[in-house]
C-alpha atoms as a PDB file:
ATOM      1  CA  MET A   1      23.406 -22.854  16.330  1.00  0.00           C
ATOM      2  CA  VAL A   2      22.561 -20.726  13.268  1.00  0.00           C
ATOM      3  CA  LYS A   3      21.881 -17.452  15.082  1.00  0.00           C
ATOM      4  CA  GLN A   4      24.884 -17.892  17.356  1.00  0.00           C
ATOM      5  CA  LEU A   5      27.186 -18.573  14.399  1.00  0.00           C
ATOM      6  CA  LEU A   6      25.974 -15.422  12.578  1.00  0.00           C
ATOM      7  CA  THR A   7      26.925 -13.231  15.517  1.00  0.00           C
ATOM      8  CA  THR A   8      30.590 -14.145  15.343  1.00  0.00           C
ATOM      9  CA  ILE A   9      31.279 -14.697  11.656  1.00  0.00           C
ATOM     10  CA  PRO A  10      31.071 -12.644   8.494  1.00  0.00           C
ATOM     11  CA  TYR A  11      28.395 -13.698   5.991  1.00  0.00           C
ATOM     12  CA  GLU A  12      26.695 -12.678   2.817  1.00  0.00           C
ATOM     13  CA  ILE A  13      22.939 -12.898   2.119  1.00  0.00           C
ATOM     14  CA  LEU A  14      22.051 -14.471  -1.218  1.00  0.00           C
ATOM     15  CA  SER A  15      18.532 -14.501  -2.792  1.00  0.00           C
ATOM     16  CA  VAL A  16      18.200 -17.046  -5.544  1.00  0.00           C
ATOM     17  CA  PRO A  17      15.450 -18.511  -7.658  1.00  0.00           C
ATOM     18  CA  ALA A  18      14.546 -22.255  -7.640  1.00  0.00           C
ATOM     19  CA  LYS A  19      16.930 -24.564  -9.464  1.00  0.00           C
ATOM     20  CA  THR A  20      20.024 -22.497  -8.669  1.00  0.00           C
ATOM     21  CA  VAL A  21      23.142 -24.631  -8.219  1.00  0.00           C
ATOM     22  CA  LEU A  22      25.069 -23.526  -5.133  1.00  0.00           C
ATOM     23  CA  LEU A  23      27.729 -26.195  -5.427  1.00  0.00           C
ATOM     24  CA  GLU A  24      28.242 -28.422  -8.426  1.00  0.00           C
ATOM     25  CA  ALA A  25      29.501 -31.999  -7.986  1.00  0.00           C
ATOM     26  CA  GLY A  26      33.152 -32.198  -8.924  1.00  0.00           C
ATOM     27  CA  LYS A  27      33.894 -28.745  -7.503  1.00  0.00           C
ATOM     28  CA  THR A  28      35.514 -28.281  -4.104  1.00  0.00           C
ATOM     29  CA  ALA A  29      33.257 -26.805  -1.437  1.00  0.00           C
ATOM     30  CA  ASN A  30      34.500 -23.606   0.196  1.00  0.00           C
ATOM     31  CA  LYS A  31      31.256 -22.345   1.769  1.00  0.00           C
ATOM     32  CA  VAL A  32      28.560 -23.252   4.249  1.00  0.00           C
ATOM     33  CA  PHE A  33      24.972 -22.188   3.484  1.00  0.00           C
ATOM     34  CA  LEU A  34      22.408 -21.479   6.170  1.00  0.00           C
ATOM     35  CA  VAL A  35      18.786 -21.567   4.845  1.00  0.00           C
ATOM     36  CA  HIS A  36      16.888 -18.478   5.875  1.00  0.00           C
ATOM     37  CA  LYS A  37      13.925 -19.027   3.491  1.00  0.00           C
ATOM     38  CA  GLY A  38      13.194 -21.750   0.948  1.00  0.00           C
ATOM     39  CA  CYS A  39      14.747 -25.151   0.455  1.00  0.00           C
ATOM     40  CA  ILE A  40      18.026 -26.628  -0.732  1.00  0.00           C
ATOM     41  CA  ARG A  41      18.437 -30.244  -1.844  1.00  0.00           C
ATOM     42  CA  GLN A  42      21.581 -32.299  -1.819  1.00  0.00           C
ATOM     43  CA  TRP A  43      21.823 -34.760  -4.639  1.00  0.00           C
ATOM     44  CA  TYR A  44      24.238 -36.891  -6.579  1.00  0.00           C
ATOM     45  CA  ASN A  45      24.354 -38.368 -10.047  1.00  0.00           C
ATOM     46  CA  ALA A  46      24.200 -42.148 -10.323  1.00  0.00           C
ATOM     47  CA  ASP A  47      24.856 -43.084 -13.918  1.00  0.00           C
ATOM     48  CA  GLY A  48      22.810 -40.207 -15.252  1.00  0.00           C
ATOM     49  CA  LYS A  49      20.048 -40.543 -12.670  1.00  0.00           C
ATOM     50  CA  ASP A  50      19.769 -37.828 -10.048  1.00  0.00           C
ATOM     51  CA  ILE A  51      19.310 -39.138  -6.488  1.00  0.00           C
ATOM     52  CA  THR A  52      18.190 -36.778  -3.777  1.00  0.00           C
ATOM     53  CA  CYS A  53      19.906 -37.379  -0.425  1.00  0.00           C
ATOM     54  CA  GLN A  54      18.406 -34.592   1.709  1.00  0.00           C
ATOM     55  CA  PHE A  55      16.275 -31.536   1.816  1.00  0.00           C
ATOM     56  CA  PHE A  56      17.185 -28.529   3.945  1.00  0.00           C
ATOM     57  CA  PHE A  57      14.614 -25.977   5.100  1.00  0.00           C
ATOM     58  CA  GLU A  58      14.641 -22.782   7.081  1.00  0.00           C
ATOM     59  CA  GLY A  59      17.166 -22.785   9.932  1.00  0.00           C
ATOM     60  CA  SER A  60      19.278 -25.566   8.478  1.00  0.00           C
ATOM     61  CA  PRO A  61      23.031 -25.409   7.843  1.00  0.00           C
ATOM     62  CA  VAL A  62      24.070 -27.006   4.540  1.00  0.00           C
ATOM     63  CA  ALA A  63      27.516 -28.101   3.433  1.00  0.00           C
ATOM     64  CA  CYS A  64      29.324 -30.890   1.743  1.00  0.00           C
ATOM     65  CA  ILE A  65      31.438 -31.522   4.785  1.00  0.00           C
ATOM     66  CA  ASP A  66      33.959 -33.978   3.265  1.00  0.00           C
ATOM     67  CA  SER A  67      34.750 -31.552   0.409  1.00  0.00           C
ATOM     68  CA  LEU A  68      34.909 -28.537   2.722  1.00  0.00           C
ATOM     69  CA  ILE A  69      37.115 -30.153   5.403  1.00  0.00           C
ATOM     70  CA  ASN A  70      39.421 -32.244   3.129  1.00  0.00           C
ATOM     71  CA  ALA A  71      39.524 -29.890   0.142  1.00  0.00           C
ATOM     72  CA  VAL A  72      38.451 -32.574  -2.203  1.00  0.00           C
ATOM     73  CA  PRO A  73      35.861 -32.390  -5.017  1.00  0.00           C
ATOM     74  CA  SER A  74      32.305 -32.833  -3.819  1.00  0.00           C
ATOM     75  CA  GLU A  75      30.362 -35.895  -4.893  1.00  0.00           C
ATOM     76  CA  TYR A  76      27.131 -33.936  -4.306  1.00  0.00           C
ATOM     77  CA  THR A  77      25.375 -31.027  -5.935  1.00  0.00           C
ATOM     78  CA  LEU A  78      23.607 -28.417  -3.729  1.00  0.00           C
ATOM     79  CA  GLU A  79      20.615 -26.843  -5.516  1.00  0.00           C
ATOM     80  CA  THR A  80      17.684 -24.714  -4.442  1.00  0.00           C
ATOM     81  CA  VAL A  81      14.310 -26.401  -4.924  1.00  0.00           C
ATOM     82  CA  LEU A  82      12.262 -23.315  -4.070  1.00  0.00           C
ATOM     83  CA  PRO A  83      13.138 -19.596  -4.379  1.00  0.00           C
ATOM     84  CA  SER A  84      15.501 -19.203  -1.450  1.00  0.00           C
ATOM     85  CA  GLU A  85      17.365 -16.793   0.712  1.00  0.00           C
ATOM     86  CA  VAL A  86      20.559 -18.170   2.233  1.00  0.00           C
ATOM     87  CA  TYR A  87      23.359 -16.882   4.394  1.00  0.00           C
ATOM     88  CA  VAL A  88      26.690 -17.744   2.805  1.00  0.00           C
ATOM     89  CA  ILE A  89      29.730 -18.233   5.070  1.00  0.00           C
ATOM     90  CA  LYS A  90      33.201 -18.788   3.636  1.00  0.00           C
ATOM     91  CA  GLY A  91      34.946 -21.940   4.835  1.00  0.00           C
ATOM     92  CA  GLU A  92      38.036 -19.939   5.691  1.00  0.00           C
ATOM     93  CA  ASP A  93      35.958 -17.728   7.976  1.00  0.00           C
ATOM     94  CA  ILE A  94      34.570 -20.752   9.816  1.00  0.00           C
ATOM     95  CA  LYS A  95      38.093 -22.073  10.331  1.00  0.00           C
ATOM     96  CA  ALA A  96      39.264 -18.736  11.594  1.00  0.00           C
ATOM     97  CA  VAL A  97      36.409 -18.592  14.152  1.00  0.00           C
ATOM     98  CA  ILE A  98      37.122 -22.158  15.278  1.00  0.00           C
ATOM     99  CA  GLN A  99      40.873 -21.209  15.756  1.00  0.00           C
ATOM    100  CA  SER A 100      40.113 -18.039  17.647  1.00  0.00           C
ATOM    101  CA  HIS A 101      37.109 -19.519  19.582  1.00  0.00           C
ATOM    102  CA  PRO A 102      37.781 -23.261  20.034  1.00  0.00           C
ATOM    103  CA  GLU A 103      34.572 -23.565  22.151  1.00  0.00           C
ATOM    104  CA  ARG A 104      32.677 -23.175  18.808  1.00  0.00           C
ATOM    105  CA  MET A 105      34.083 -26.513  17.605  1.00  0.00           C
ATOM    106  CA  GLY A 106      31.310 -28.340  19.511  1.00  0.00           C
ATOM    107  CA  GLU A 107      28.694 -26.732  17.250  1.00  0.00           C
ATOM    108  CA  MET A 108      30.466 -28.052  14.136  1.00  0.00           C
ATOM    109  CA  VAL A 109      30.760 -31.508  15.643  1.00  0.00           C
ATOM    110  CA  LYS A 110      27.043 -31.396  16.546  1.00  0.00           C
ATOM    111  CA  PHE A 111      26.182 -30.414  12.932  1.00  0.00           C
ATOM    112  CA  SER A 112      28.330 -33.285  11.538  1.00  0.00           C
ATOM    113  CA  ILE A 113      26.766 -35.822  13.902  1.00  0.00           C
ATOM    114  CA  GLU A 114      23.272 -34.665  12.996  1.00  0.00           C
ATOM    115  CA  ARG A 115      24.051 -35.207   9.334  1.00  0.00           C
ATOM    116  CA  MET A 116      25.500 -38.731   9.943  1.00  0.00           C
ATOM    117  CA  VAL A 117      22.444 -39.726  11.964  1.00  0.00           C
ATOM    118  CA  CYS A 118      20.126 -38.457   9.218  1.00  0.00           C
ATOM    119  CA  TYR A 119      21.966 -40.364   6.499  1.00  0.00           C
ATOM    120  CA  SER A 120      22.031 -43.530   8.684  1.00  0.00           C
ATOM    121  CA  LYS A 121      18.269 -43.298   9.101  1.00  0.00           C
ATOM    122  CA  LEU A 122      17.763 -42.891   5.366  1.00  0.00           C
ATOM    123  CA  PHE A 123      20.077 -45.811   4.615  1.00  0.00           C
ATOM    124  CA  LEU A 124      18.241 -48.069   7.119  1.00  0.00           C
ATOM    125  CA  SER A 125      14.812 -47.034   5.776  1.00  0.00           C
ATOM    126  CA  ARG A 126      15.826 -48.130   2.285  1.00  0.00           C
ATOM    127  CA  ILE A 127      16.855 -51.532   3.643  1.00  0.00           C
ATOM    128  CA  LYS A 128      14.076 -52.154   6.186  1.00  0.00           C
ATOM    129  CA  GLU A 129      10.995 -50.406   4.821  1.00  0.00           C
ATOM    130  CA  THR A 130       8.772 -50.830   1.800  1.00  0.00           C
ATOM    131  CA  PRO A 131       8.294 -47.752  -0.441  1.00  0.00           C
ATOM    132  CA  GLN A 132       4.843 -47.348   1.101  1.00  0.00           C
ATOM    133  CA  GLU A 133       6.311 -47.343   4.587  1.00  0.00           C
ATOM    134  CA  ARG A 134       9.017 -44.830   3.550  1.00  0.00           C
ATOM    135  CA  TYR A 135       6.376 -42.480   2.182  1.00  0.00           C
ATOM    136  CA  GLU A 136       4.202 -42.783   5.260  1.00  0.00           C
ATOM    137  CA  SER A 137       7.279 -42.040   7.467  1.00  0.00           C
ATOM    138  CA  LEU A 138       8.044 -39.026   5.356  1.00  0.00           C
ATOM    139  CA  VAL A 139       4.482 -37.657   5.658  1.00  0.00           C
ATOM    140  CA  ARG A 140       4.553 -38.190   9.406  1.00  0.00           C
ATOM    141  CA  GLU A 141       8.082 -36.923  10.105  1.00  0.00           C
ATOM    142  CA  HIS A 142       8.512 -34.159   7.397  1.00  0.00           C
ATOM    143  CA  PRO A 143       5.183 -33.028   6.089  1.00  0.00           C
ATOM    144  CA  GLU A 144       6.816 -29.871   4.727  1.00  0.00           C
ATOM    145  CA  ILE A 145       8.560 -32.019   2.111  1.00  0.00           C
ATOM    146  CA  VAL A 146       5.312 -33.563   0.926  1.00  0.00           C
ATOM    147  CA  THR A 147       3.511 -30.193   0.728  1.00  0.00           C
ATOM    148  CA  GLN A 148       6.264 -28.039  -0.799  1.00  0.00           C
ATOM    149  CA  ILE A 149       8.578 -30.272  -2.907  1.00  0.00           C
ATOM    150  CA  PRO A 150       7.856 -31.463  -6.465  1.00  0.00           C
ATOM    151  CA  GLN A 151       6.881 -35.082  -6.671  1.00  0.00           C
ATOM    152  CA  HIS A 152       9.818 -36.157  -8.805  1.00  0.00           C
ATOM    153  CA  TYR A 153      12.307 -34.958  -6.163  1.00  0.00           C
ATOM    154  CA  ILE A 154      10.333 -36.782  -3.435  1.00  0.00           C
ATOM    155  CA  ALA A 155      10.378 -39.974  -5.460  1.00  0.00           C
ATOM    156  CA  SER A 156      14.126 -39.651  -5.981  1.00  0.00           C
ATOM    157  CA  TYR A 157      14.566 -39.146  -2.201  1.00  0.00           C
ATOM    158  CA  LEU A 158      12.426 -42.210  -1.442  1.00  0.00           C
ATOM    159  CA  GLY A 159      14.341 -44.323  -4.002  1.00  0.00           C
ATOM    160  CA  ILE A 160      11.322 -44.928  -6.218  1.00  0.00           C
ATOM    161  CA  THR A 161       9.979 -43.725  -9.527  1.00  0.00           C
ATOM    162  CA  PRO A 162       7.511 -40.836  -9.833  1.00  0.00           C
ATOM    163  CA  VAL A 163       4.910 -43.339 -11.134  1.00  0.00           C
ATOM    164  CA  SER A 164       5.320 -45.535  -8.039  1.00  0.00           C
ATOM    165  CA  LEU A 165       5.009 -42.476  -5.839  1.00  0.00           C
ATOM    166  CA  SER A 166       1.694 -41.531  -7.628  1.00  0.00           C
ATOM    167  CA  ARG A 167       0.328 -45.041  -6.992  1.00  0.00           C
ATOM    168  CA  ILE A 168       1.340 -44.855  -3.318  1.00  0.00           C
ATOM    169  CA  ARG A 169      -0.325 -41.457  -2.885  1.00  0.00           C
ATOM    170  CA  ASN A 170      -3.522 -42.620  -4.657  1.00  0.00           C
ATOM    171  CA  ARG A 171      -3.910 -45.603  -2.297  1.00  0.00           C
ATOM    172  CA  LYS A 172      -4.765 -43.249   0.540  1.00  0.00           C
END
């Protein structure tokens, strides 16, 4: 999807250091980011505690869909975790491509469905699995997160404290 989209739509390349906010919670999204290098995390603030929802690596499209589509403030912040290079596509350009090439709508629907499936799995894992099981699943399914992302972000993603994550890692 990423390479196909870039052939039919204008974009800008942005190189940014780690901890760069690409979209701040409370602001309305007007861009989609495609990760070329590095990593972006999506997180939200829960009573002063930052909760990581997702990590996006090379080849991943990233957007706060509800904010982008409905022109409402985003509940999430998008921030680079690692030094990153991203393709930036304006929301208005995506809409123009969809209007002039309706066959491209399927790609957008596929992206939205992939996000929903991912969030559903995360939700279910928090209900069904112990923290140890969640960590083991993460190691098995997404080793790049465990090897590249700081421990406090991983703990936030797993819904545990950094101290609990250290204990789980030390049990191995």
